[in-house]
């Protein structure tokens, strides 16, 4: 059973829509060696190990093992997962190492367009030919979102939200790209039941809202 609350952690109705694309590409990709970037609690590593029987490197800029291993042990996937401290702009892996690279809400922390661009170049480098990047990231979105983020986000001093058109620039070296966007209201509440209601409301609003005015971009890119 797919456990979106474990794999995506917060705002799960909105973020788990990425699975519409991710699942398709994971079924098509025949490899079994994956890297999660910015793993934190290791939710996506758990998903790849549990749902797709992949061997996963769960990585973060800090030691993700301290937080993530207990979750992986609980679901008996820790034997399929190893842990690494990795800077996604300078990965210590050889070219063509991984079949899958996956991340959620990571590149904003890199702070500049240049750093974000470098991270995508590194991802492309460590992917095998025909390997797939699966991603979900916060977008710049609207002036309304920017204003509230300046007030409430504790990481506002360094976080850079990319624009939708920049995501396409970051992915220019990939041979195939599939991108979708979602969300407007759900990011404004961390209360579970309110967030769930807003997540479903956003699903309706997505049908009329311009893509650039949504706060999550997700998709897949094949090397």
C-alpha atoms as a PDB file:
ATOM      1  CA  UNK A   1       0.000   0.000   0.000  1.00  0.00           C
ATOM      2  CA  UNK A   2       1.355   3.396  -1.015  1.00  0.00           C
ATOM      3  CA  UNK A   3       2.112   5.453   2.129  1.00  0.00           C
ATOM      4  CA  UNK A   4       2.215   9.090   0.983  1.00  0.00           C
ATOM      5  CA  UNK A   5       2.501  10.416   4.545  1.00  0.00           C
ATOM      6  CA  UNK A   6       5.767   8.482   5.029  1.00  0.00           C
ATOM      7  CA  UNK A   7       7.231   9.124   1.615  1.00  0.00           C
ATOM      8  CA  UNK A   8       6.341  12.808   1.211  1.00  0.00           C
ATOM      9  CA  UNK A   9       6.133  13.868   4.900  1.00  0.00           C
ATOM     10  CA  UNK A  10       4.166  17.129   4.572  1.00  0.00           C
ATOM     11  CA  UNK A  11       1.459  18.565   2.319  1.00  0.00           C
ATOM     12  CA  UNK A  12       1.129  15.001   1.090  1.00  0.00           C
ATOM     13  CA  UNK A  13      -1.985  15.399  -1.078  1.00  0.00           C
ATOM     14  CA  UNK A  14      -0.179  17.941  -3.261  1.00  0.00           C
ATOM     15  CA  UNK A  15       3.344  16.522  -3.343  1.00  0.00           C
ATOM     16  CA  UNK A  16       2.298  12.913  -3.906  1.00  0.00           C
ATOM     17  CA  UNK A  17       0.767  13.906  -7.256  1.00  0.00           C
ATOM     18  CA  UNK A  18       4.327  13.521  -8.505  1.00  0.00           C
ATOM     19  CA  UNK A  19       3.747   9.772  -8.379  1.00  0.00           C
ATOM     20  CA  UNK A  20       1.524  10.066 -11.458  1.00  0.00           C
ATOM     21  CA  UNK A  21       4.708  10.589 -13.455  1.00  0.00           C
ATOM     22  CA  UNK A  22       7.262   8.897 -11.219  1.00  0.00           C
ATOM     23  CA  UNK A  23       5.544   5.519 -11.165  1.00  0.00           C
ATOM     24  CA  UNK A  24       5.379   5.374 -14.942  1.00  0.00           C
ATOM     25  CA  UNK A  25       9.102   6.029 -15.309  1.00  0.00           C
ATOM     26  CA  UNK A  26      10.064   3.677 -12.479  1.00  0.00           C
ATOM     27  CA  UNK A  27       8.138   0.915 -14.219  1.00  0.00           C
ATOM     28  CA  UNK A  28       9.918   1.653 -17.511  1.00  0.00           C
ATOM     29  CA  UNK A  29      13.395   1.939 -15.968  1.00  0.00           C
ATOM     30  CA  UNK A  30      14.904  -1.546 -15.606  1.00  0.00           C
ATOM     31  CA  UNK A  31      17.794  -0.515 -13.332  1.00  0.00           C
ATOM     32  CA  UNK A  32      17.856  -0.958  -9.565  1.00  0.00           C
ATOM     33  CA  UNK A  33      20.501   1.489  -8.282  1.00  0.00           C
ATOM     34  CA  UNK A  34      19.113   4.806  -7.020  1.00  0.00           C
ATOM     35  CA  UNK A  35      20.263   7.959  -5.250  1.00  0.00           C
ATOM     36  CA  UNK A  36      18.039  10.159  -3.111  1.00  0.00           C
ATOM     37  CA  UNK A  37      19.365  13.707  -2.761  1.00  0.00           C
ATOM     38  CA  UNK A  38      18.467  15.758   0.301  1.00  0.00           C
ATOM     39  CA  UNK A  39      16.980  12.683   1.936  1.00  0.00           C
ATOM     40  CA  UNK A  40      16.477  14.116   5.442  1.00  0.00           C
ATOM     41  CA  UNK A  41      14.153  11.498   6.976  1.00  0.00           C
ATOM     42  CA  UNK A  42      14.623   9.173   3.999  1.00  0.00           C
ATOM     43  CA  UNK A  43      11.027   8.985   2.805  1.00  0.00           C
ATOM     44  CA  UNK A  44      11.784   8.674  -0.886  1.00  0.00           C
ATOM     45  CA  UNK A  45      14.520   6.124  -0.201  1.00  0.00           C
ATOM     46  CA  UNK A  46      11.945   4.087   1.696  1.00  0.00           C
ATOM     47  CA  UNK A  47       9.538   4.359  -1.225  1.00  0.00           C
ATOM     48  CA  UNK A  48      12.099   3.161  -3.789  1.00  0.00           C
ATOM     49  CA  UNK A  49      13.240   0.269  -1.605  1.00  0.00           C
ATOM     50  CA  UNK A  50       9.785  -0.825  -0.445  1.00  0.00           C
ATOM     51  CA  UNK A  51       7.642  -0.255  -3.531  1.00  0.00           C
ATOM     52  CA  UNK A  52      10.223  -0.891  -6.275  1.00  0.00           C
ATOM     53  CA  UNK A  53      12.820  -3.186  -4.636  1.00  0.00           C
ATOM     54  CA  UNK A  54      15.668  -0.817  -5.483  1.00  0.00           C
ATOM     55  CA  UNK A  55      19.037  -0.493  -3.792  1.00  0.00           C
ATOM     56  CA  UNK A  56      19.232   3.123  -2.667  1.00  0.00           C
ATOM     57  CA  UNK A  57      21.803   5.608  -1.441  1.00  0.00           C
ATOM     58  CA  UNK A  58      19.980   7.921   0.973  1.00  0.00           C
ATOM     59  CA  UNK A  59      22.020  11.128   1.039  1.00  0.00           C
ATOM     60  CA  UNK A  60      21.939  14.565   2.556  1.00  0.00           C
ATOM     61  CA  UNK A  61      24.366  17.416   3.167  1.00  0.00           C
ATOM     62  CA  UNK A  62      24.229  16.295   6.801  1.00  0.00           C
ATOM     63  CA  UNK A  63      24.272  12.708   8.033  1.00  0.00           C
ATOM     64  CA  UNK A  64      20.836  11.377   7.053  1.00  0.00           C
ATOM     65  CA  UNK A  65      21.548   8.043   8.757  1.00  0.00           C
ATOM     66  CA  UNK A  66      20.909   9.537  12.196  1.00  0.00           C
ATOM     67  CA  UNK A  67      17.316  10.374  11.256  1.00  0.00           C
ATOM     68  CA  UNK A  68      16.403   8.020   8.425  1.00  0.00           C
ATOM     69  CA  UNK A  69      17.697   4.601   9.471  1.00  0.00           C
ATOM     70  CA  UNK A  70      15.086   4.027  12.191  1.00  0.00           C
ATOM     71  CA  UNK A  71      12.312   4.607   9.627  1.00  0.00           C
ATOM     72  CA  UNK A  72      13.935   2.180   7.197  1.00  0.00           C
ATOM     73  CA  UNK A  73      14.402  -0.420   9.927  1.00  0.00           C
ATOM     74  CA  UNK A  74      10.750  -0.121  10.924  1.00  0.00           C
ATOM     75  CA  UNK A  75       9.709  -1.102   7.387  1.00  0.00           C
ATOM     76  CA  UNK A  76      12.504  -3.676   6.999  1.00  0.00           C
ATOM     77  CA  UNK A  77      14.175  -1.933   4.090  1.00  0.00           C
ATOM     78  CA  UNK A  78      17.417  -0.843   5.782  1.00  0.00           C
ATOM     79  CA  UNK A  79      19.302  -3.764   4.198  1.00  0.00           C
ATOM     80  CA  UNK A  80      18.579  -2.196   0.786  1.00  0.00           C
ATOM     81  CA  UNK A  81      19.656   1.313   1.792  1.00  0.00           C
ATOM     82  CA  UNK A  82      23.052   2.862   2.475  1.00  0.00           C
ATOM     83  CA  UNK A  83      23.731   6.386   3.734  1.00  0.00           C
ATOM     84  CA  UNK A  84      26.036   9.109   2.470  1.00  0.00           C
ATOM     85  CA  UNK A  85      26.878  12.748   3.115  1.00  0.00           C
ATOM     86  CA  UNK A  86      26.704  14.403  -0.297  1.00  0.00           C
ATOM     87  CA  UNK A  87      26.837  17.935  -1.659  1.00  0.00           C
ATOM     88  CA  UNK A  88      24.664  17.758  -4.768  1.00  0.00           C
ATOM     89  CA  UNK A  89      26.885  20.304  -6.528  1.00  0.00           C
ATOM     90  CA  UNK A  90      29.982  18.140  -6.024  1.00  0.00           C
ATOM     91  CA  UNK A  91      28.983  14.495  -5.868  1.00  0.00           C
ATOM     92  CA  UNK A  92      31.797  12.070  -5.237  1.00  0.00           C
ATOM     93  CA  UNK A  93      30.559   9.449  -7.695  1.00  0.00           C
ATOM     94  CA  UNK A  94      31.876   8.376 -11.068  1.00  0.00           C
ATOM     95  CA  UNK A  95      30.037   9.238 -14.266  1.00  0.00           C
ATOM     96  CA  UNK A  96      27.141   6.919 -15.166  1.00  0.00           C
ATOM     97  CA  UNK A  97      26.681   5.436 -11.678  1.00  0.00           C
ATOM     98  CA  UNK A  98      22.914   5.509 -10.990  1.00  0.00           C
ATOM     99  CA  UNK A  99      19.802   4.321 -12.796  1.00  0.00           C
ATOM    100  CA  UNK A 100      17.581   6.731 -10.849  1.00  0.00           C
ATOM    101  CA  UNK A 101      18.159  10.005  -9.016  1.00  0.00           C
ATOM    102  CA  UNK A 102      15.282  11.407  -6.985  1.00  0.00           C
ATOM    103  CA  UNK A 103      14.676  14.512  -4.868  1.00  0.00           C
ATOM    104  CA  UNK A 104      11.913  16.574  -3.304  1.00  0.00           C
ATOM    105  CA  UNK A 105      12.219  20.233  -2.261  1.00  0.00           C
ATOM    106  CA  UNK A 106      16.000  20.449  -2.375  1.00  0.00           C
ATOM    107  CA  UNK A 107      17.423  22.864  -4.942  1.00  0.00           C
ATOM    108  CA  UNK A 108      15.872  25.957  -3.358  1.00  0.00           C
ATOM    109  CA  UNK A 109      18.406  25.581  -0.541  1.00  0.00           C
ATOM    110  CA  UNK A 110      21.264  26.126  -3.012  1.00  0.00           C
ATOM    111  CA  UNK A 111      20.505  29.823  -3.020  1.00  0.00           C
ATOM    112  CA  UNK A 112      21.441  30.944  -6.545  1.00  0.00           C
ATOM    113  CA  UNK A 113      20.520  30.134 -10.127  1.00  0.00           C
ATOM    114  CA  UNK A 114      24.147  29.175 -10.813  1.00  0.00           C
ATOM    115  CA  UNK A 115      24.285  26.674  -7.951  1.00  0.00           C
ATOM    116  CA  UNK A 116      20.968  25.176  -8.955  1.00  0.00           C
ATOM    117  CA  UNK A 117      22.174  24.789 -12.529  1.00  0.00           C
ATOM    118  CA  UNK A 118      25.361  23.059 -11.347  1.00  0.00           C
ATOM    119  CA  UNK A 119      23.340  20.575  -9.305  1.00  0.00           C
ATOM    120  CA  UNK A 120      21.382  19.480 -12.380  1.00  0.00           C
ATOM    121  CA  UNK A 121      24.623  19.095 -14.337  1.00  0.00           C
ATOM    122  CA  UNK A 122      25.954  16.847 -11.566  1.00  0.00           C
ATOM    123  CA  UNK A 123      22.765  14.793 -11.540  1.00  0.00           C
ATOM    124  CA  UNK A 124      23.021  14.314 -15.286  1.00  0.00           C
ATOM    125  CA  UNK A 125      26.672  13.287 -14.947  1.00  0.00           C
ATOM    126  CA  UNK A 126      26.099  10.550 -12.337  1.00  0.00           C
ATOM    127  CA  UNK A 127      23.073   9.098 -14.142  1.00  0.00           C
ATOM    128  CA  UNK A 128      23.636   6.204 -16.495  1.00  0.00           C
ATOM    129  CA  UNK A 129      22.605   6.625 -20.142  1.00  0.00           C
ATOM    130  CA  UNK A 130      18.787   6.359 -20.209  1.00  0.00           C
ATOM    131  CA  UNK A 131      18.801   6.881 -16.433  1.00  0.00           C
ATOM    132  CA  UNK A 132      15.966   8.977 -15.036  1.00  0.00           C
ATOM    133  CA  UNK A 133      15.765  11.975 -12.729  1.00  0.00           C
ATOM    134  CA  UNK A 134      12.550  12.140 -10.699  1.00  0.00           C
ATOM    135  CA  UNK A 135      11.952  15.490  -9.047  1.00  0.00           C
ATOM    136  CA  UNK A 136       9.463  17.652  -7.170  1.00  0.00           C
ATOM    137  CA  UNK A 137      10.378  21.201  -6.211  1.00  0.00           C
ATOM    138  CA  UNK A 138       8.859  24.419  -4.872  1.00  0.00           C
ATOM    139  CA  UNK A 139       8.352  27.150  -7.463  1.00  0.00           C
ATOM    140  CA  UNK A 140       8.507  30.927  -7.169  1.00  0.00           C
ATOM    141  CA  UNK A 141       4.742  30.991  -7.821  1.00  0.00           C
ATOM    142  CA  UNK A 142       2.849  34.284  -7.192  1.00  0.00           C
ATOM    143  CA  UNK A 143       3.515  37.610  -5.465  1.00  0.00           C
ATOM    144  CA  UNK A 144       1.077  36.482  -2.772  1.00  0.00           C
ATOM    145  CA  UNK A 145       3.170  33.367  -2.055  1.00  0.00           C
ATOM    146  CA  UNK A 146       6.405  35.389  -2.078  1.00  0.00           C
ATOM    147  CA  UNK A 147       5.010  37.845   0.467  1.00  0.00           C
ATOM    148  CA  UNK A 148       3.883  35.144   2.904  1.00  0.00           C
ATOM    149  CA  UNK A 149       7.148  33.245   2.527  1.00  0.00           C
ATOM    150  CA  UNK A 150       9.092  36.373   3.497  1.00  0.00           C
ATOM    151  CA  UNK A 151       7.037  36.602   6.683  1.00  0.00           C
ATOM    152  CA  UNK A 152       6.778  32.972   7.779  1.00  0.00           C
ATOM    153  CA  UNK A 153       9.613  30.920   6.264  1.00  0.00           C
ATOM    154  CA  UNK A 154      12.562  30.470   8.657  1.00  0.00           C
ATOM    155  CA  UNK A 155      14.854  29.738   5.691  1.00  0.00           C
ATOM    156  CA  UNK A 156      13.866  32.893   3.757  1.00  0.00           C
ATOM    157  CA  UNK A 157      17.386  34.363   4.052  1.00  0.00           C
ATOM    158  CA  UNK A 158      18.966  31.783   1.759  1.00  0.00           C
ATOM    159  CA  UNK A 159      16.235  29.888  -0.108  1.00  0.00           C
ATOM    160  CA  UNK A 160      15.745  30.641  -3.804  1.00  0.00           C
ATOM    161  CA  UNK A 161      12.502  29.520  -5.431  1.00  0.00           C
ATOM    162  CA  UNK A 162      13.082  28.836  -9.144  1.00  0.00           C
ATOM    163  CA  UNK A 163      10.732  29.994 -11.872  1.00  0.00           C
ATOM    164  CA  UNK A 164       8.962  27.419 -14.015  1.00  0.00           C
ATOM    165  CA  UNK A 165      10.876  28.377 -17.169  1.00  0.00           C
ATOM    166  CA  UNK A 166      14.159  27.927 -15.267  1.00  0.00           C
ATOM    167  CA  UNK A 167      13.343  24.272 -14.612  1.00  0.00           C
ATOM    168  CA  UNK A 168      13.394  23.704 -18.359  1.00  0.00           C
ATOM    169  CA  UNK A 169      16.770  25.453 -18.558  1.00  0.00           C
ATOM    170  CA  UNK A 170      18.156  23.244 -15.799  1.00  0.00           C
ATOM    171  CA  UNK A 171      17.035  20.152 -17.721  1.00  0.00           C
ATOM    172  CA  UNK A 172      18.374  21.209 -21.129  1.00  0.00           C
ATOM    173  CA  UNK A 173      21.005  18.438 -21.265  1.00  0.00           C
ATOM    174  CA  UNK A 174      18.447  15.654 -20.840  1.00  0.00           C
ATOM    175  CA  UNK A 175      17.006  13.881 -23.887  1.00  0.00           C
ATOM    176  CA  UNK A 176      13.415  13.694 -22.630  1.00  0.00           C
ATOM    177  CA  UNK A 177      11.501  15.884 -20.159  1.00  0.00           C
ATOM    178  CA  UNK A 178       8.019  15.495 -18.668  1.00  0.00           C
ATOM    179  CA  UNK A 179       6.849  18.288 -16.345  1.00  0.00           C
ATOM    180  CA  UNK A 180       3.636  19.162 -14.518  1.00  0.00           C
ATOM    181  CA  UNK A 181       2.697  21.702 -11.852  1.00  0.00           C
ATOM    182  CA  UNK A 182       0.158  21.716  -9.043  1.00  0.00           C
ATOM    183  CA  UNK A 183      -1.000  23.578  -5.951  1.00  0.00           C
ATOM    184  CA  UNK A 184      -1.998  27.032  -4.800  1.00  0.00           C
ATOM    185  CA  UNK A 185      -3.664  27.027  -1.350  1.00  0.00           C
ATOM    186  CA  UNK A 186      -2.448  23.855   0.382  1.00  0.00           C
ATOM    187  CA  UNK A 187       0.959  25.260   1.325  1.00  0.00           C
ATOM    188  CA  UNK A 188      -0.724  27.803   3.607  1.00  0.00           C
ATOM    189  CA  UNK A 189      -1.784  25.333   6.317  1.00  0.00           C
ATOM    190  CA  UNK A 190       0.133  22.662   8.218  1.00  0.00           C
ATOM    191  CA  UNK A 191      -2.991  21.519  10.090  1.00  0.00           C
ATOM    192  CA  UNK A 192      -3.668  18.037   8.741  1.00  0.00           C
ATOM    193  CA  UNK A 193      -7.362  18.189   7.905  1.00  0.00           C
ATOM    194  CA  UNK A 194      -7.237  21.762   6.585  1.00  0.00           C
ATOM    195  CA  UNK A 195      -4.226  20.859   4.455  1.00  0.00           C
ATOM    196  CA  UNK A 196      -6.031  17.815   3.048  1.00  0.00           C
ATOM    197  CA  UNK A 197      -9.098  19.915   2.193  1.00  0.00           C
ATOM    198  CA  UNK A 198      -6.941  22.570   0.492  1.00  0.00           C
ATOM    199  CA  UNK A 199      -5.013  19.874  -1.358  1.00  0.00           C
ATOM    200  CA  UNK A 200      -8.200  18.550  -2.925  1.00  0.00           C
ATOM    201  CA  UNK A 201      -9.376  22.103  -3.613  1.00  0.00           C
ATOM    202  CA  UNK A 202      -6.124  22.737  -5.455  1.00  0.00           C
ATOM    203  CA  UNK A 203      -6.764  19.680  -7.613  1.00  0.00           C
ATOM    204  CA  UNK A 204      -9.897  21.432  -8.907  1.00  0.00           C
ATOM    205  CA  UNK A 205      -8.203  24.817  -9.217  1.00  0.00           C
ATOM    206  CA  UNK A 206      -5.324  23.298 -11.197  1.00  0.00           C
ATOM    207  CA  UNK A 207      -7.712  22.909 -14.116  1.00  0.00           C
ATOM    208  CA  UNK A 208      -8.058  26.691 -14.520  1.00  0.00           C
ATOM    209  CA  UNK A 209      -4.964  28.158 -12.861  1.00  0.00           C
ATOM    210  CA  UNK A 210      -1.993  29.124 -15.082  1.00  0.00           C
ATOM    211  CA  UNK A 211       0.931  26.721 -14.669  1.00  0.00           C
ATOM    212  CA  UNK A 212       3.301  29.459 -13.516  1.00  0.00           C
ATOM    213  CA  UNK A 213       0.935  30.320 -10.633  1.00  0.00           C
ATOM    214  CA  UNK A 214       1.239  26.896  -8.984  1.00  0.00           C
ATOM    215  CA  UNK A 215       3.794  26.294  -6.253  1.00  0.00           C
ATOM    216  CA  UNK A 216       4.972  22.738  -7.019  1.00  0.00           C
ATOM    217  CA  UNK A 217       6.699  21.519 -10.157  1.00  0.00           C
ATOM    218  CA  UNK A 218       7.268  17.788 -10.585  1.00  0.00           C
ATOM    219  CA  UNK A 219       8.276  15.426 -13.290  1.00  0.00           C
ATOM    220  CA  UNK A 220      10.887  13.198 -14.858  1.00  0.00           C
ATOM    221  CA  UNK A 221      13.874  13.709 -17.130  1.00  0.00           C
ATOM    222  CA  UNK A 222      15.741  10.969 -19.000  1.00  0.00           C
ATOM    223  CA  UNK A 223      19.447  11.314 -19.717  1.00  0.00           C
END
